[in-house]
Amino acid sequence: MLSSIGKIFGGQTEPDRGNDGPGSTPSEVPEALIKEFFGAIQEHDSDTVRRLLVDHKTGLTSARFKLDPHSVSFPPEVERDAYTLLGAYLGPLTGLQYSILTGKNDIALDILDATFEQDAKFGSGNTALHLAVLLGETEVVSGLIERGADMNLKNKRGYSVVDMSDNPDILRFLESAEVE
């Protein structure tokens, strides 16, 4: 019987090494460590995430894991917009993307402090910034932009981050960040 983390990862024993974003070298991090990292994110265990990032920053921030599609999804209130703007396919996610998608923003900010891959792509060419803007996560959007996330990237559906939101606060923030 699979543990709860095993169910989330669909029993997959090998991390998905596909990465169409910057820094697309295969991860040298052991599979068990990647599972521990994603498990700590799932369990909202900030201390374990931070410890793992200190010990294995480079490998874990670029590692991707293909999750069981039935274990993670867009929140119901944005699901329709997500499918329209981002696409239904999530594909392999980084820890940053997974933490944003699951609403663990404090962990997302911890990972963001440790990564240079804020523009790594998932699914239909989406970035963590596309996802954070769509979900209305102002603090994460701010953190991503402060750390140099590219606001001009368009996904494979042709949408930029500005297209992801109708939230006036986020739109104002994006406009002011473009001016700077």
C-alpha atoms as a PDB file:
ATOM      1  CA  MET A   1       0.000   0.000   0.000  1.00  0.00           C
ATOM      2  CA  LEU A   2       1.355   3.405  -0.948  1.00  0.00           C
ATOM      3  CA  SER A   3       1.924   6.061   1.680  1.00  0.00           C
ATOM      4  CA  SER A   4       0.129   9.364   1.214  1.00  0.00           C
ATOM      5  CA  ILE A   5       3.222  10.799  -0.435  1.00  0.00           C
ATOM      6  CA  GLY A   6       3.442   7.715  -2.650  1.00  0.00           C
ATOM      7  CA  LYS A   7      -0.129   8.305  -3.748  1.00  0.00           C
ATOM      8  CA  ILE A   8       0.626  11.907  -4.630  1.00  0.00           C
ATOM      9  CA  PHE A   9       3.583  10.875  -6.717  1.00  0.00           C
ATOM     10  CA  GLY A  10       1.584   8.068  -8.288  1.00  0.00           C
ATOM     11  CA  GLY A  11       4.035   5.494  -7.040  1.00  0.00           C
ATOM     12  CA  GLN A  12       6.613   6.854  -9.481  1.00  0.00           C
ATOM     13  CA  THR A  13      10.054   5.709  -8.485  1.00  0.00           C
ATOM     14  CA  GLU A  14      12.117   7.947 -10.719  1.00  0.00           C
ATOM     15  CA  PRO A  15      11.928  11.735 -10.785  1.00  0.00           C
ATOM     16  CA  ASP A  16      10.947  13.172 -14.106  1.00  0.00           C
ATOM     17  CA  ARG A  17      14.050  14.788 -15.501  1.00  0.00           C
ATOM     18  CA  GLY A  18      12.298  16.715 -18.271  1.00  0.00           C
ATOM     19  CA  ASN A  19      12.802  20.438 -18.006  1.00  0.00           C
ATOM     20  CA  ASP A  20      12.159  22.904 -20.761  1.00  0.00           C
ATOM     21  CA  GLY A  21      13.159  25.861 -18.623  1.00  0.00           C
ATOM     22  CA  PRO A  22      16.476  27.506 -17.912  1.00  0.00           C
ATOM     23  CA  GLY A  23      19.165  25.318 -16.383  1.00  0.00           C
ATOM     24  CA  SER A  24      17.846  22.126 -17.925  1.00  0.00           C
ATOM     25  CA  THR A  25      20.462  19.719 -16.667  1.00  0.00           C
ATOM     26  CA  PRO A  26      19.350  16.450 -15.124  1.00  0.00           C
ATOM     27  CA  SER A  27      19.144  16.425 -11.356  1.00  0.00           C
ATOM     28  CA  GLU A  28      21.903  14.578  -9.517  1.00  0.00           C
ATOM     29  CA  VAL A  29      19.812  14.416  -6.349  1.00  0.00           C
ATOM     30  CA  PRO A  30      18.840  10.933  -5.176  1.00  0.00           C
ATOM     31  CA  GLU A  31      15.223   9.944  -5.711  1.00  0.00           C
ATOM     32  CA  ALA A  32      14.646   9.469  -1.969  1.00  0.00           C
ATOM     33  CA  LEU A  33      15.759  13.038  -1.306  1.00  0.00           C
ATOM     34  CA  ILE A  34      13.421  14.407  -3.968  1.00  0.00           C
ATOM     35  CA  LYS A  35      10.517  12.456  -2.464  1.00  0.00           C
ATOM     36  CA  GLU A  36      11.428  13.751   0.996  1.00  0.00           C
ATOM     37  CA  PHE A  37      11.507  17.321  -0.343  1.00  0.00           C
ATOM     38  CA  PHE A  38       8.136  17.110  -2.096  1.00  0.00           C
ATOM     39  CA  GLY A  39       6.698  15.227   0.888  1.00  0.00           C
ATOM     40  CA  ALA A  40       7.816  18.011   3.224  1.00  0.00           C
ATOM     41  CA  ILE A  41       6.147  20.560   0.941  1.00  0.00           C
ATOM     42  CA  GLN A  42       2.948  18.500   0.908  1.00  0.00           C
ATOM     43  CA  GLU A  43       2.974  18.192   4.706  1.00  0.00           C
ATOM     44  CA  HIS A  44       3.750  21.917   5.053  1.00  0.00           C
ATOM     45  CA  ASP A  45       6.914  21.051   6.978  1.00  0.00           C
ATOM     46  CA  SER A  46       8.879  24.281   6.591  1.00  0.00           C
ATOM     47  CA  ASP A  47      11.718  23.158   8.843  1.00  0.00           C
ATOM     48  CA  THR A  48      12.430  20.072   6.730  1.00  0.00           C
ATOM     49  CA  VAL A  49      12.169  22.057   3.487  1.00  0.00           C
ATOM     50  CA  ARG A  50      14.643  24.634   4.812  1.00  0.00           C
ATOM     51  CA  ARG A  51      17.046  21.950   6.057  1.00  0.00           C
ATOM     52  CA  LEU A  52      16.960  20.162   2.709  1.00  0.00           C
ATOM     53  CA  LEU A  53      17.499  23.425   0.838  1.00  0.00           C
ATOM     54  CA  VAL A  54      20.542  24.249   2.951  1.00  0.00           C
ATOM     55  CA  ASP A  55      22.054  20.809   2.369  1.00  0.00           C
ATOM     56  CA  HIS A  56      21.050  20.260  -1.280  1.00  0.00           C
ATOM     57  CA  LYS A  57      20.022  23.634  -2.694  1.00  0.00           C
ATOM     58  CA  THR A  58      21.134  23.334  -6.303  1.00  0.00           C
ATOM     59  CA  GLY A  59      19.750  19.876  -6.940  1.00  0.00           C
ATOM     60  CA  LEU A  60      16.445  20.307  -5.144  1.00  0.00           C
ATOM     61  CA  THR A  61      15.508  23.688  -6.574  1.00  0.00           C
ATOM     62  CA  SER A  62      15.869  22.327 -10.101  1.00  0.00           C
ATOM     63  CA  ALA A  63      14.442  18.858  -9.420  1.00  0.00           C
ATOM     64  CA  ARG A  64      11.063  18.066 -10.930  1.00  0.00           C
ATOM     65  CA  PHE A  65       8.627  15.397 -10.017  1.00  0.00           C
ATOM     66  CA  LYS A  66       5.711  14.203 -12.053  1.00  0.00           C
ATOM     67  CA  LEU A  67       2.778  14.052  -9.691  1.00  0.00           C
ATOM     68  CA  ASP A  68      -0.254  11.836 -10.009  1.00  0.00           C
ATOM     69  CA  PRO A  69      -2.702  14.062 -11.944  1.00  0.00           C
ATOM     70  CA  HIS A  70      -5.530  13.127  -9.577  1.00  0.00           C
ATOM     71  CA  SER A  71      -3.586  14.220  -6.494  1.00  0.00           C
ATOM     72  CA  VAL A  72      -3.143  17.900  -7.283  1.00  0.00           C
ATOM     73  CA  SER A  73      -5.299  20.341  -9.185  1.00  0.00           C
ATOM     74  CA  PHE A  74      -6.174  23.974  -9.505  1.00  0.00           C
ATOM     75  CA  PRO A  75      -8.403  25.422  -6.771  1.00  0.00           C
ATOM     76  CA  PRO A  76     -12.083  25.221  -7.792  1.00  0.00           C
ATOM     77  CA  GLU A  77     -12.518  29.010  -7.827  1.00  0.00           C
ATOM     78  CA  VAL A  78      -9.908  29.412 -10.586  1.00  0.00           C
ATOM     79  CA  GLU A  79     -10.149  26.026 -12.274  1.00  0.00           C
ATOM     80  CA  ARG A  80     -11.950  27.238 -15.391  1.00  0.00           C
ATOM     81  CA  ASP A  81      -9.605  30.202 -15.837  1.00  0.00           C
ATOM     82  CA  ALA A  82      -6.605  27.945 -15.201  1.00  0.00           C
ATOM     83  CA  TYR A  83      -7.624  25.504 -17.918  1.00  0.00           C
ATOM     84  CA  THR A  84      -8.276  28.372 -20.340  1.00  0.00           C
ATOM     85  CA  LEU A  85      -5.142  30.400 -19.593  1.00  0.00           C
ATOM     86  CA  LEU A  86      -2.609  27.815 -18.405  1.00  0.00           C
ATOM     87  CA  GLY A  87      -3.944  24.623 -19.945  1.00  0.00           C
ATOM     88  CA  ALA A  88      -5.102  21.436 -18.248  1.00  0.00           C
ATOM     89  CA  TYR A  89      -1.727  19.678 -18.363  1.00  0.00           C
ATOM     90  CA  LEU A  90       0.532  20.385 -15.396  1.00  0.00           C
ATOM     91  CA  GLY A  91       3.349  17.951 -16.130  1.00  0.00           C
ATOM     92  CA  PRO A  92       6.403  17.691 -13.890  1.00  0.00           C
ATOM     93  CA  LEU A  93       6.649  20.509 -11.344  1.00  0.00           C
ATOM     94  CA  THR A  94       9.497  22.050  -9.404  1.00  0.00           C
ATOM     95  CA  GLY A  95       9.129  22.436  -5.654  1.00  0.00           C
ATOM     96  CA  LEU A  96       8.475  26.156  -6.160  1.00  0.00           C
ATOM     97  CA  GLN A  97       5.639  25.508  -8.599  1.00  0.00           C
ATOM     98  CA  TYR A  98       4.160  22.724  -6.454  1.00  0.00           C
ATOM     99  CA  SER A  99       4.195  24.866  -3.305  1.00  0.00           C
ATOM    100  CA  ILE A 100       2.458  27.758  -5.101  1.00  0.00           C
ATOM    101  CA  LEU A 101      -0.166  25.452  -6.608  1.00  0.00           C
ATOM    102  CA  THR A 102      -0.938  23.892  -3.226  1.00  0.00           C
ATOM    103  CA  GLY A 103      -1.133  27.243  -1.423  1.00  0.00           C
ATOM    104  CA  LYS A 104       1.977  26.812   0.706  1.00  0.00           C
ATOM    105  CA  ASN A 105       3.237  30.315   0.065  1.00  0.00           C
ATOM    106  CA  ASP A 106       5.634  30.505   3.010  1.00  0.00           C
ATOM    107  CA  ILE A 107       7.412  27.438   1.635  1.00  0.00           C
ATOM    108  CA  ALA A 108       7.308  28.921  -1.878  1.00  0.00           C
ATOM    109  CA  LEU A 109       9.106  32.012  -0.558  1.00  0.00           C
ATOM    110  CA  ASP A 110      11.712  29.840   1.200  1.00  0.00           C
ATOM    111  CA  ILE A 111      12.363  27.964  -2.046  1.00  0.00           C
ATOM    112  CA  LEU A 112      12.438  31.232  -3.970  1.00  0.00           C
ATOM    113  CA  ASP A 113      15.199  32.462  -1.654  1.00  0.00           C
ATOM    114  CA  ALA A 114      17.263  29.422  -2.657  1.00  0.00           C
ATOM    115  CA  THR A 115      16.668  29.185  -6.409  1.00  0.00           C
ATOM    116  CA  PHE A 116      17.833  30.886  -9.561  1.00  0.00           C
ATOM    117  CA  GLU A 117      15.239  29.029 -11.619  1.00  0.00           C
ATOM    118  CA  GLN A 118      12.190  31.182 -11.005  1.00  0.00           C
ATOM    119  CA  ASP A 119      11.382  31.074 -14.730  1.00  0.00           C
ATOM    120  CA  ALA A 120      11.427  27.270 -15.075  1.00  0.00           C
ATOM    121  CA  LYS A 121       8.464  26.186 -17.199  1.00  0.00           C
ATOM    122  CA  PHE A 122       5.815  23.553 -16.615  1.00  0.00           C
ATOM    123  CA  GLY A 123       2.771  22.297 -18.485  1.00  0.00           C
ATOM    124  CA  SER A 124       2.046  24.508 -21.463  1.00  0.00           C
ATOM    125  CA  GLY A 125       5.068  26.764 -20.991  1.00  0.00           C
ATOM    126  CA  ASN A 126       3.859  28.372 -17.771  1.00  0.00           C
ATOM    127  CA  THR A 127       6.142  29.784 -15.092  1.00  0.00           C
ATOM    128  CA  ALA A 128       5.745  30.138 -11.343  1.00  0.00           C
ATOM    129  CA  LEU A 129       4.848  33.788 -11.988  1.00  0.00           C
ATOM    130  CA  HIS A 130       1.989  32.814 -14.330  1.00  0.00           C
ATOM    131  CA  LEU A 131       0.673  30.505 -11.609  1.00  0.00           C
ATOM    132  CA  ALA A 132       1.077  32.942  -8.702  1.00  0.00           C
ATOM    133  CA  VAL A 133      -0.647  35.753 -10.621  1.00  0.00           C
ATOM    134  CA  LEU A 134      -3.548  33.500 -11.624  1.00  0.00           C
ATOM    135  CA  LEU A 135      -3.990  32.331  -8.026  1.00  0.00           C
ATOM    136  CA  GLY A 136      -3.840  35.908  -6.716  1.00  0.00           C
ATOM    137  CA  GLU A 137      -0.849  35.265  -4.458  1.00  0.00           C
ATOM    138  CA  THR A 138       0.393  38.847  -4.146  1.00  0.00           C
ATOM    139  CA  GLU A 139       3.272  38.101  -1.761  1.00  0.00           C
ATOM    140  CA  VAL A 140       4.625  35.342  -4.012  1.00  0.00           C
ATOM    141  CA  VAL A 141       4.186  37.534  -7.111  1.00  0.00           C
ATOM    142  CA  SER A 142       6.161  40.265  -5.363  1.00  0.00           C
ATOM    143  CA  GLY A 143       8.894  37.825  -4.353  1.00  0.00           C
ATOM    144  CA  LEU A 144       9.185  36.423  -7.860  1.00  0.00           C
ATOM    145  CA  ILE A 145       9.454  39.860  -9.457  1.00  0.00           C
ATOM    146  CA  GLU A 146      11.964  41.080  -6.849  1.00  0.00           C
ATOM    147  CA  ARG A 147      14.134  38.078  -7.696  1.00  0.00           C
ATOM    148  CA  GLY A 148      14.027  38.752 -11.417  1.00  0.00           C
ATOM    149  CA  ALA A 149      11.209  36.592 -12.773  1.00  0.00           C
ATOM    150  CA  ASP A 150      10.567  37.506 -16.395  1.00  0.00           C
ATOM    151  CA  MET A 151       7.203  39.261 -16.629  1.00  0.00           C
ATOM    152  CA  ASN A 152       7.258  39.198 -20.426  1.00  0.00           C
ATOM    153  CA  LEU A 153       7.298  35.440 -20.973  1.00  0.00           C
ATOM    154  CA  LYS A 154       4.257  34.072 -22.756  1.00  0.00           C
ATOM    155  CA  ASN A 155       3.064  30.517 -22.359  1.00  0.00           C
ATOM    156  CA  LYS A 156       2.301  28.211 -25.290  1.00  0.00           C
ATOM    157  CA  ARG A 157      -1.255  29.543 -25.317  1.00  0.00           C
ATOM    158  CA  GLY A 158       0.085  33.054 -25.928  1.00  0.00           C
ATOM    159  CA  TYR A 159      -0.709  34.496 -22.492  1.00  0.00           C
ATOM    160  CA  SER A 160       1.625  36.645 -20.422  1.00  0.00           C
ATOM    161  CA  VAL A 161       1.375  37.126 -16.665  1.00  0.00           C
ATOM    162  CA  VAL A 162      -0.699  40.293 -17.118  1.00  0.00           C
ATOM    163  CA  ASP A 163      -3.333  38.176 -18.891  1.00  0.00           C
ATOM    164  CA  MET A 164      -3.625  35.892 -15.849  1.00  0.00           C
ATOM    165  CA  SER A 165      -5.391  38.273 -13.483  1.00  0.00           C
ATOM    166  CA  ASP A 166      -8.290  40.618 -13.108  1.00  0.00           C
ATOM    167  CA  ASN A 167      -7.239  41.448  -9.535  1.00  0.00           C
ATOM    168  CA  PRO A 168      -6.680  45.229  -9.503  1.00  0.00           C
ATOM    169  CA  ASP A 169      -4.003  45.031  -6.780  1.00  0.00           C
ATOM    170  CA  ILE A 170      -1.930  42.509  -8.710  1.00  0.00           C
ATOM    171  CA  LEU A 171      -2.402  44.374 -11.987  1.00  0.00           C
ATOM    172  CA  ARG A 172      -1.259  47.640 -10.350  1.00  0.00           C
ATOM    173  CA  PHE A 173       1.735  45.826  -8.884  1.00  0.00           C
ATOM    174  CA  LEU A 174       2.643  44.321 -12.268  1.00  0.00           C
ATOM    175  CA  GLU A 175       2.309  47.706 -13.978  1.00  0.00           C
ATOM    176  CA  SER A 176       4.511  49.416 -11.388  1.00  0.00           C
ATOM    177  CA  ALA A 177       7.112  46.631 -11.673  1.00  0.00           C
ATOM    178  CA  GLU A 178       7.204  47.057 -15.472  1.00  0.00           C
ATOM    179  CA  VAL A 179       7.951  50.766 -15.079  1.00  0.00           C
ATOM    180  CA  GLU A 180      10.923  50.139 -12.759  1.00  0.00           C
END
